[in-house]
Protein backbone atom coordinates (compact mmCIF):
# COMPACT_ATOMS: atom_id res chain seq x y z
CA MET A 1 -18.85 -41.80 -106.49
CA VAL A 2 -20.62 -40.61 -109.64
CA TYR A 3 -18.67 -40.66 -112.87
CA ALA A 4 -19.44 -40.91 -116.56
CA ILE A 5 -17.67 -42.05 -119.69
CA VAL A 6 -18.26 -39.38 -122.34
CA ARG A 7 -17.47 -39.08 -126.02
CA ALA A 8 -15.36 -35.95 -126.43
CA GLY A 9 -13.01 -34.85 -129.17
CA GLY A 10 -12.87 -38.20 -130.96
CA ARG A 11 -12.01 -40.13 -127.77
CA GLN A 12 -13.78 -41.44 -124.70
CA GLU A 13 -12.94 -39.81 -121.37
CA LYS A 14 -13.80 -40.81 -117.79
CA VAL A 15 -15.07 -37.69 -115.98
CA SER A 16 -16.63 -36.67 -112.69
CA VAL A 17 -17.75 -33.27 -111.42
CA GLY A 18 -14.81 -30.90 -110.93
CA ASP A 19 -12.42 -32.70 -113.30
CA THR A 20 -10.59 -30.88 -116.08
CA ILE A 21 -9.97 -32.59 -119.40
CA VAL A 22 -8.11 -31.61 -122.56
CA ILE A 23 -9.81 -32.51 -125.84
CA ASN A 24 -9.61 -31.49 -129.51
CA ARG A 25 -10.63 -27.88 -130.23
CA VAL A 26 -14.27 -26.95 -129.54
CA ALA A 27 -15.75 -23.79 -131.04
CA GLY A 28 -16.76 -20.98 -128.69
CA GLU A 29 -15.37 -18.53 -126.16
CA ALA A 30 -13.93 -19.16 -122.69
CA GLY A 31 -16.76 -19.52 -120.17
CA ASP A 32 -19.22 -21.05 -122.66
CA ALA A 33 -21.17 -24.17 -121.68
CA VAL A 34 -20.51 -27.39 -123.60
CA GLU A 35 -22.64 -30.53 -123.47
CA LEU A 36 -20.90 -33.90 -123.86
CA ALA A 37 -22.52 -37.13 -125.04
CA PRO A 38 -22.46 -39.84 -122.31
CA VAL A 39 -21.57 -43.40 -123.27
CA LEU A 40 -21.80 -44.91 -119.76
CA LEU A 41 -22.86 -43.61 -116.34
CA VAL A 42 -21.85 -45.10 -112.99
CA ASP A 43 -23.76 -43.86 -109.93
CA GLY A 44 -22.47 -45.84 -106.95
CA ASP A 45 -23.44 -49.46 -107.66
CA LYS A 46 -25.94 -48.59 -110.42
CA ILE A 47 -24.56 -48.65 -113.98
CA THR A 48 -26.51 -47.00 -116.80
CA SER A 49 -25.52 -47.99 -120.32
CA THR A 50 -28.72 -48.31 -122.37
CA GLN A 51 -29.35 -45.70 -125.03
CA ALA A 52 -32.82 -44.83 -123.71
CA ASP A 53 -31.57 -44.14 -120.16
CA LEU A 54 -28.51 -42.23 -121.38
CA GLY A 55 -30.79 -39.90 -123.35
CA LYS A 56 -32.01 -38.52 -120.01
CA VAL A 57 -28.47 -37.91 -118.69
CA LYS A 58 -26.73 -34.58 -119.33
CA VAL A 59 -23.00 -34.03 -118.81
CA THR A 60 -22.16 -30.33 -118.89
CA ALA A 61 -18.78 -28.66 -118.99
CA GLU A 62 -17.41 -25.13 -119.05
CA LYS A 63 -14.80 -24.10 -121.58
CA VAL A 64 -11.73 -22.84 -119.69
CA GLU A 65 -9.23 -22.02 -122.44
CA ASP A 66 -7.91 -22.80 -125.90
CA LEU A 67 -4.36 -24.07 -126.13
CA ARG A 68 -1.99 -25.88 -128.46
CA GLY A 69 -0.32 -29.22 -127.91
CA PRO A 70 3.40 -29.98 -128.10
CA LYS A 71 5.20 -29.64 -131.42
CA ILE A 72 5.52 -32.86 -133.37
CA ARG A 73 8.28 -33.04 -135.98
CA ILE A 74 7.71 -35.23 -139.03
CA LEU A 75 10.83 -36.21 -140.98
CA LYS A 76 10.84 -38.03 -144.31
CA TYR A 77 14.11 -39.27 -145.77
CA LYS A 78 15.08 -41.50 -148.67
CA ASN A 79 18.56 -42.90 -148.81
CA LYS A 80 20.93 -42.06 -151.72
CA THR A 81 18.46 -39.78 -153.53
CA GLY A 82 18.92 -36.49 -151.71
CA TYR A 83 15.25 -36.45 -150.68
CA LYS A 84 14.57 -34.92 -147.25
CA LYS A 85 11.39 -33.32 -146.03
CA ARG A 86 10.66 -31.81 -142.63
CA GLN A 87 7.21 -30.86 -141.40
CA GLY A 88 5.86 -29.75 -138.01
CA HIS A 89 2.44 -29.93 -136.38
CA ARG A 90 0.80 -28.56 -133.21
CA GLN A 91 -2.69 -29.83 -132.38
CA GLU A 92 -5.38 -27.28 -131.48
CA LEU A 93 -6.79 -28.23 -128.05
CA THR A 94 -9.43 -27.04 -125.55
CA ARG A 95 -9.40 -27.40 -121.75
CA LEU A 96 -12.83 -28.15 -120.22
CA LYS A 97 -13.98 -28.23 -116.59
CA ILE A 98 -16.83 -30.64 -115.84
CA THR A 99 -19.62 -28.75 -114.04
CA GLY A 100 -22.45 -31.26 -113.76
CA ILE A 101 -23.67 -34.79 -114.32
CA ALA A 102 -27.45 -34.97 -114.11
């Protein structure tokens, strides 16, 4: 089984061909090709982790869609002062489908 650990959207993700991952928003339209930076590659029993060998490896993905994460509610409250503050946040996300590890 061939899989790679890639740096994507501020995190590291374990991917293989055909997987879909959700990462932080990537610029572009649906259907565009995105190249991800590999950190580690496992090809059966052979493990590639040196920077020189990883420079030859390309992990490509196709942008499927843009979406937004769940709403997070932030509440701030201080007792006996009448201070209350409410804030919401929804993270901008992108769904990618891994098309090739070469």
